[in-house]
Amino acid sequence: MIDGASDMRGKAALVTGAASGLGRATAVALARAGADVAIVDLNPGGLEETADAVSAEGVQCHVHPADLSQAENCVAAVAAAVAAFGGLDALCNVAGVIYFNHSTDMPREDWDRTLAVNLSAPFFLSQAAIPHLLERDGAIVNVSSSATHIGEAYAAAYCASKAGLTHLTRAMAMEYMHKPIRINAVAPGGMMTGIVSSMMNMPQDLDGNLMARFKPLRGMVEVDDVAGLIAFLASDAARGYHGACISIDKGITAG
């Protein structure tokens, strides 16, 4: 984990996808830096486990179960965090989904949900959070993917959503170039999280040689390393970063 996150005592952060995996690790990393943390996910049971881990760091934790594929739930999640803590200093858009399939076989509902969770939710959460973040010189950190830089077979919706999220980050950073807010993204390679377990349910006739082309040669990225990077970008220590998309993928996009 990166140790460069500044003291976040007295600050409040909102983390999506916090019931497990990278979202949980991010919530804990922010709590260790001293931030109070609002956590959002579709899984109430997982959220309670994350809340225990966050509270163990001696900070406040607000639990807000929600399906962020619905825009109104994104707005409500931000409102709940602000009501709980009196303001907001960081929004960490971690929640994500992936469905592997032949492009010609992908169900419409899988395409729609991928874009709703991976791209639309970060936008609507940001839209609701920005007025509060401007009051505190806050930050948005979006979790993109190495798939924003390279095409990955059988993951058309995922690649499109993550590339869109990276460019959304840059566009919003330009829009707020002269305002007291920082907007950045991280682009992790493959991590051992729940999202990877979805590969167990993919069609059996996919070409493994094509999928191996985006397999990390140095192994999976450590979840805590990515969480540390997110916490760093959410903190004042990252004051020099705005409009960046930082790859943390063990070289998978190097060539």
Protein backbone atom coordinates (compact mmCIF):
# COMPACT_ATOMS: atom_id res chain seq x y z
CA MET A 1 0.00 0.00 0.00
CA ILE A 2 1.21 3.54 -0.77
CA ASP A 3 2.09 5.41 2.43
CA GLY A 4 1.82 8.83 0.82
CA ALA A 5 -1.80 9.59 1.71
CA SER A 6 -1.90 12.73 3.80
CA ASP A 7 -3.63 13.02 7.14
CA MET A 8 -7.36 12.78 6.34
CA ARG A 9 -8.63 13.29 9.85
CA GLY A 10 -11.72 15.49 9.77
CA LYS A 11 -12.41 14.57 6.15
CA ALA A 12 -15.20 12.44 4.71
CA ALA A 13 -15.09 10.07 1.76
CA LEU A 14 -17.69 8.10 -0.19
CA VAL A 15 -16.63 4.73 -1.63
CA THR A 16 -18.78 2.68 -4.01
CA GLY A 17 -18.50 -1.06 -4.55
CA ALA A 18 -17.41 -1.26 -0.92
CA ALA A 19 -18.91 -4.63 0.05
CA SER A 20 -15.82 -6.54 -1.07
CA GLY A 21 -12.60 -6.51 -3.07
CA LEU A 22 -11.07 -3.21 -4.09
CA GLY A 23 -13.97 -1.15 -2.72
CA ARG A 24 -13.54 -2.64 0.74
CA ALA A 25 -9.76 -2.22 0.62
CA THR A 26 -10.18 1.41 -0.44
CA ALA A 27 -12.60 2.15 2.39
CA VAL A 28 -10.16 0.67 4.89
CA ALA A 29 -7.20 2.57 3.39
CA LEU A 30 -9.08 5.85 3.72
CA ALA A 31 -10.08 4.99 7.27
CA ARG A 32 -6.44 4.30 8.17
CA ALA A 33 -5.63 7.78 6.89
CA GLY A 34 -8.23 9.13 9.32
CA ALA A 35 -11.22 9.77 7.06
CA ASP A 36 -14.80 9.02 7.98
CA VAL A 37 -16.17 6.79 5.24
CA ALA A 38 -19.59 6.31 3.66
CA ILE A 39 -19.79 2.95 1.91
CA VAL A 40 -22.21 1.99 -0.85
CA ASP A 41 -22.93 -1.34 -2.52
CA LEU A 42 -25.73 -3.62 -3.60
CA ASN A 43 -24.71 -6.24 -1.00
CA PRO A 44 -25.88 -5.27 2.53
CA GLY A 45 -24.13 -8.19 4.21
CA GLY A 46 -20.80 -7.34 2.63
CA LEU A 47 -21.24 -3.70 3.57
CA GLU A 48 -21.66 -4.62 7.23
CA GLU A 49 -18.40 -6.58 7.14
CA THR A 50 -16.65 -3.60 5.56
CA ALA A 51 -18.21 -1.30 8.15
CA ASP A 52 -16.68 -3.40 10.92
CA ALA A 53 -13.25 -3.13 9.30
CA VAL A 54 -13.61 0.63 8.81
CA SER A 55 -14.89 1.27 12.34
CA ALA A 56 -11.98 -0.75 13.74
CA GLU A 57 -9.72 2.08 12.51
CA GLY A 58 -11.43 4.46 14.95
CA VAL A 59 -13.44 6.48 12.41
CA GLN A 60 -17.13 6.82 11.59
CA CYS A 61 -18.71 4.65 8.94
CA HIS A 62 -22.05 5.24 7.22
CA VAL A 63 -23.60 2.25 5.44
CA HIS A 64 -25.85 2.88 2.45
CA PRO A 65 -27.06 -0.16 0.46
CA ALA A 66 -28.03 0.86 -3.09
CA ASP A 67 -28.16 -0.28 -6.69
CA LEU A 68 -26.10 2.37 -8.45
CA SER A 69 -27.32 1.34 -11.89
CA GLN A 70 -30.22 3.70 -11.14
CA ALA A 71 -29.36 7.40 -11.37
CA GLU A 72 -31.66 8.43 -8.54
CA ASN A 73 -29.83 6.02 -6.22
CA CYS A 74 -26.54 7.71 -7.03
CA VAL A 75 -27.97 11.08 -6.03
CA ALA A 76 -29.40 9.60 -2.84
CA ALA A 77 -26.07 7.99 -1.90
CA VAL A 78 -24.27 11.33 -2.08
CA ALA A 79 -27.04 13.04 -0.12
CA ALA A 80 -26.84 10.37 2.58
CA ALA A 81 -23.07 10.75 2.92
CA VAL A 82 -23.32 14.53 3.18
CA ALA A 83 -26.10 14.24 5.75
CA ALA A 84 -24.07 11.77 7.80
CA PHE A 85 -20.83 13.74 7.86
CA GLY A 86 -21.83 17.33 7.13
CA GLY A 87 -19.95 17.46 3.85
CA LEU A 88 -17.78 15.49 1.47
CA ASP A 89 -14.07 15.60 0.65
CA ALA A 90 -13.60 12.61 -1.66
CA LEU A 91 -15.67 10.47 -4.01
CA CYS A 92 -14.11 7.14 -4.97
CA ASN A 93 -16.00 5.45 -7.80
CA VAL A 94 -14.87 1.85 -7.40
CA ALA A 95 -17.99 -0.19 -8.23
CA GLY A 96 -17.77 -2.16 -11.47
CA VAL A 97 -19.12 -5.18 -13.31
CA ILE A 98 -17.92 -7.30 -16.23
CA TYR A 99 -19.66 -9.91 -18.38
CA PHE A 100 -17.63 -11.98 -20.81
CA ASN A 101 -19.36 -13.09 -24.00
CA HIS A 102 -19.20 -13.05 -27.76
CA SER A 103 -20.31 -9.60 -28.87
CA THR A 104 -23.04 -11.15 -31.00
CA ASP A 105 -24.36 -13.12 -28.02
CA MET A 106 -24.24 -10.47 -25.31
CA PRO A 107 -27.72 -9.96 -23.84
CA ARG A 108 -29.03 -6.41 -23.96
CA GLU A 109 -29.41 -6.39 -20.18
CA ASP A 110 -25.70 -7.21 -19.70
CA TRP A 111 -24.67 -4.37 -22.02
CA ASP A 112 -27.02 -1.92 -20.33
CA ARG A 113 -25.98 -2.87 -16.79
CA THR A 114 -22.26 -2.68 -17.63
CA LEU A 115 -22.58 0.87 -18.92
CA ALA A 116 -24.95 1.85 -16.11
CA VAL A 117 -22.64 0.69 -13.31
CA ASN A 118 -19.24 1.39 -14.86
CA LEU A 119 -19.90 4.68 -16.65
CA SER A 120 -23.25 6.27 -15.86
CA ALA A 121 -23.05 5.75 -12.09
CA PRO A 122 -19.69 7.55 -11.74
CA PHE A 123 -21.12 10.42 -13.77
CA PHE A 124 -24.30 10.78 -11.72
CA LEU A 125 -22.41 10.35 -8.45
CA SER A 126 -19.94 13.02 -9.55
CA GLN A 127 -22.74 15.30 -10.69
CA ALA A 128 -24.29 15.12 -7.23
CA ALA A 129 -21.00 15.31 -5.34
CA ILE A 130 -19.19 18.13 -7.15
CA PRO A 131 -21.02 21.02 -5.41
CA HIS A 132 -20.01 19.56 -2.03
CA LEU A 133 -16.45 18.74 -3.14
CA LEU A 134 -15.96 22.30 -4.39
CA GLU A 135 -16.74 23.58 -0.89
CA ARG A 136 -13.83 21.56 0.55
CA ASP A 137 -11.29 21.51 -2.30
CA GLY A 138 -12.09 17.81 -2.65
CA ALA A 139 -11.30 15.03 -5.08
CA ILE A 140 -12.87 12.43 -7.34
CA VAL A 141 -11.03 9.19 -8.05
CA ASN A 142 -12.48 6.93 -10.73
CA VAL A 143 -11.43 3.31 -11.08
CA SER A 144 -10.89 2.60 -14.75
CA SER A 145 -8.93 -0.43 -16.00
CA SER A 146 -6.06 -1.52 -18.19
CA ALA A 147 -8.94 -2.28 -20.59
CA THR A 148 -9.14 1.46 -21.22
CA HIS A 149 -5.85 1.19 -23.14
CA ILE A 150 -6.04 -2.23 -24.82
CA GLY A 151 -8.83 -4.17 -26.49
CA GLU A 152 -9.82 -7.29 -24.56
CA ALA A 153 -11.60 -10.04 -26.46
CA TYR A 154 -15.13 -10.91 -25.32
CA ALA A 155 -15.36 -7.85 -23.07
CA ALA A 156 -16.70 -5.24 -25.48
CA ALA A 157 -19.08 -3.61 -23.01
CA TYR A 158 -16.48 -3.52 -20.25
CA CYS A 159 -13.78 -2.04 -22.49
CA ALA A 160 -16.19 0.56 -23.85
CA SER A 161 -17.33 1.56 -20.36
CA LYS A 162 -13.83 1.85 -18.93
CA ALA A 163 -12.48 3.79 -21.90
CA GLY A 164 -15.47 6.07 -21.55
CA LEU A 165 -14.79 6.51 -17.84
CA THR A 166 -11.18 7.47 -18.48
CA HIS A 167 -12.18 10.07 -21.03
CA LEU A 168 -14.99 11.28 -18.74
CA THR A 169 -12.31 11.85 -16.11
CA ARG A 170 -10.26 13.96 -18.49
CA ALA A 171 -13.25 15.92 -19.80
CA MET A 172 -14.46 16.79 -16.31
CA ALA A 173 -10.92 17.68 -15.26
CA MET A 174 -10.78 20.19 -18.10
CA GLU A 175 -14.21 21.57 -17.21
CA TYR A 176 -13.07 22.18 -13.63
CA MET A 177 -9.52 23.28 -14.46
CA HIS A 178 -9.99 26.59 -12.64
CA LYS A 179 -11.99 25.24 -9.70
CA PRO A 180 -10.77 23.82 -6.36
CA ILE A 181 -11.32 20.15 -7.15
CA ARG A 182 -9.09 17.34 -8.44
CA ILE A 183 -10.45 14.63 -10.75
CA ASN A 184 -8.29 11.61 -11.55
CA ALA A 185 -8.49 7.93 -12.42
CA VAL A 186 -6.52 4.76 -11.80
CA ALA A 187 -6.27 1.96 -14.34
CA PRO A 188 -5.52 -1.36 -12.61
CA GLY A 189 -4.63 -4.58 -14.33
CA GLY A 190 -6.17 -7.88 -13.25
CA MET A 191 -6.70 -8.26 -9.51
CA MET A 192 -7.97 -11.22 -7.50
CA THR A 193 -11.36 -9.76 -6.63
CA GLY A 194 -14.97 -10.79 -6.98
CA ILE A 195 -15.11 -9.26 -10.44
CA VAL A 196 -12.52 -11.77 -11.63
CA SER A 197 -14.62 -14.64 -10.31
CA SER A 198 -17.16 -13.78 -13.01
CA MET A 199 -14.76 -15.42 -15.45
CA MET A 200 -15.88 -18.74 -14.00
CA ASN A 201 -19.32 -18.18 -15.53
CA MET A 202 -18.27 -17.18 -19.02
CA PRO A 203 -19.12 -19.24 -22.11
CA GLN A 204 -16.88 -22.26 -22.61
CA ASP A 205 -16.26 -21.68 -26.33
CA LEU A 206 -14.19 -18.51 -25.93
CA ASP A 207 -10.70 -18.56 -27.45
CA GLY A 208 -8.27 -18.85 -24.54
CA ASN A 209 -5.35 -17.72 -26.68
CA LEU A 210 -7.06 -14.40 -27.31
CA MET A 211 -7.83 -13.93 -23.63
CA ALA A 212 -4.24 -14.77 -22.68
CA ARG A 213 -3.10 -11.68 -24.59
CA PHE A 214 -4.24 -9.47 -21.70
CA LYS A 215 -3.04 -11.76 -18.91
CA PRO A 216 -0.48 -10.00 -16.64
CA LEU A 217 2.98 -11.48 -17.29
CA ARG A 218 4.07 -10.59 -13.76
CA GLY A 219 0.95 -11.94 -12.09
CA MET A 220 -2.11 -10.27 -10.61
CA VAL A 221 -1.98 -6.78 -9.18
CA GLU A 222 -2.27 -6.58 -5.40
CA VAL A 223 -5.61 -5.13 -4.31
CA ASP A 224 -4.06 -3.23 -1.40
CA ASP A 225 -1.59 -1.55 -3.75
CA VAL A 226 -4.44 -0.18 -5.86
CA ALA A 227 -6.41 0.85 -2.78
CA GLY A 228 -3.36 2.73 -1.51
CA LEU A 229 -3.07 4.58 -4.81
CA ILE A 230 -6.75 5.55 -4.68
CA ALA A 231 -6.40 6.80 -1.11
CA PHE A 232 -3.33 8.80 -2.14
CA LEU A 233 -5.18 10.48 -5.02
CA ALA A 234 -8.11 11.24 -2.72
CA SER A 235 -5.81 13.01 -0.26
CA ASP A 236 -4.18 16.43 -0.26
CA ALA A 237 -0.83 14.72 -0.84
CA ALA A 238 -1.89 14.33 -4.50
CA ARG A 239 -2.38 18.04 -5.04
CA GLY A 240 -0.32 17.92 -8.24
CA TYR A 241 -2.61 15.41 -9.96
CA HIS A 242 -5.57 16.53 -12.08
CA GLY A 243 -6.92 14.82 -15.19
CA ALA A 244 -4.51 11.90 -14.80
CA CYS A 245 -5.17 8.22 -15.45
CA ILE A 246 -2.49 6.28 -13.61
CA SER A 247 -1.79 2.73 -14.75
CA ILE A 248 -1.05 0.15 -12.06
CA ASP A 249 -0.99 -3.06 -14.07
CA LYS A 250 2.45 -4.69 -13.71
CA GLY A 251 3.31 -3.66 -17.25
CA ILE A 252 0.40 -5.23 -19.13
CA THR A 253 -0.14 -2.08 -21.21
CA ALA A 254 3.58 -1.38 -21.74
CA GLY A 255 3.68 -3.11 -25.09
